[in-house]
């Protein structure tokens, strides 16, 4: 799950306080949510249990298309091993069947052809084949599938995590919370990249103010603050310097910013001076 643009409308509907609080909630549960999404690829038995755990939550109905991505990963990587369980679950669980109905084969993550008919019968809709137009797109961009499925933090299949039923319950709850609060991640990125630097700074400063822990400060620094300085550093550096001079906690936050290609030597020198030791 990645943050995309399109946050302007949401930003109008929510106060800065709500946006900042929700963004921090999203960041807090992000690790659990991303673990749940990795399990189907690297630890399929745990992945299967995790998907079912989410399906059994009452709040899941509106998130079935998102959950279908996790189920699809399991099918792409380990479909032959789980096809009978998938058919059985779909036959007696309407919510799981509805989730399966959102799964489609595509060139970036190909579902084995021999499973198309069985999955289609279980889902009550066609799972394959891939449309000719989509096939043509991936033929012109042969590395696209690799890029879309690249995982910067893979798990070790030989050493899967050890999760209790309580852990799986928590993963499911965190995944739903993450999905419910994802709009805030989306909005902050849209504001930082698409709106005026002063407006973006005001939002980021509110994120800084609402950060409950040093870990939360680090998330502000490594994400939106670093992006703002990379995109608009020259026009916003005076406000950054002023905040750093007035608040040691802001200096701590600024210390989490890494230099990017968008930062000139002069800008980076001012950032380093502002954050001090």
Foldseek 3Di string as FASTA:
>chain_A
DDAAADQPVVPVVDDLLVLLVLVLLLVVLVVLLVVLLQCLQQPVVVNVVLLVLLLPDPLCQVVLLVSLSSVLNNQLRPVVVCLVVLLVCLVPRVSSLCSLLNAAAAPLRGGDPVCQVSSCVSNVHGRDDYDPVRVVVCVVVVCPSVVVPDDPDHDHSVDDDDDDPVRSNVSSVSNSSNVVSSSSVNNLVNCLVPHDLVSNVVSLVSSLVPQPDLVSLLVSQDPSVLSNCLVPVVPCLVVLLVVLVVDLSSLSSLVSHDDDPSADPVSVVSSDVSSDD
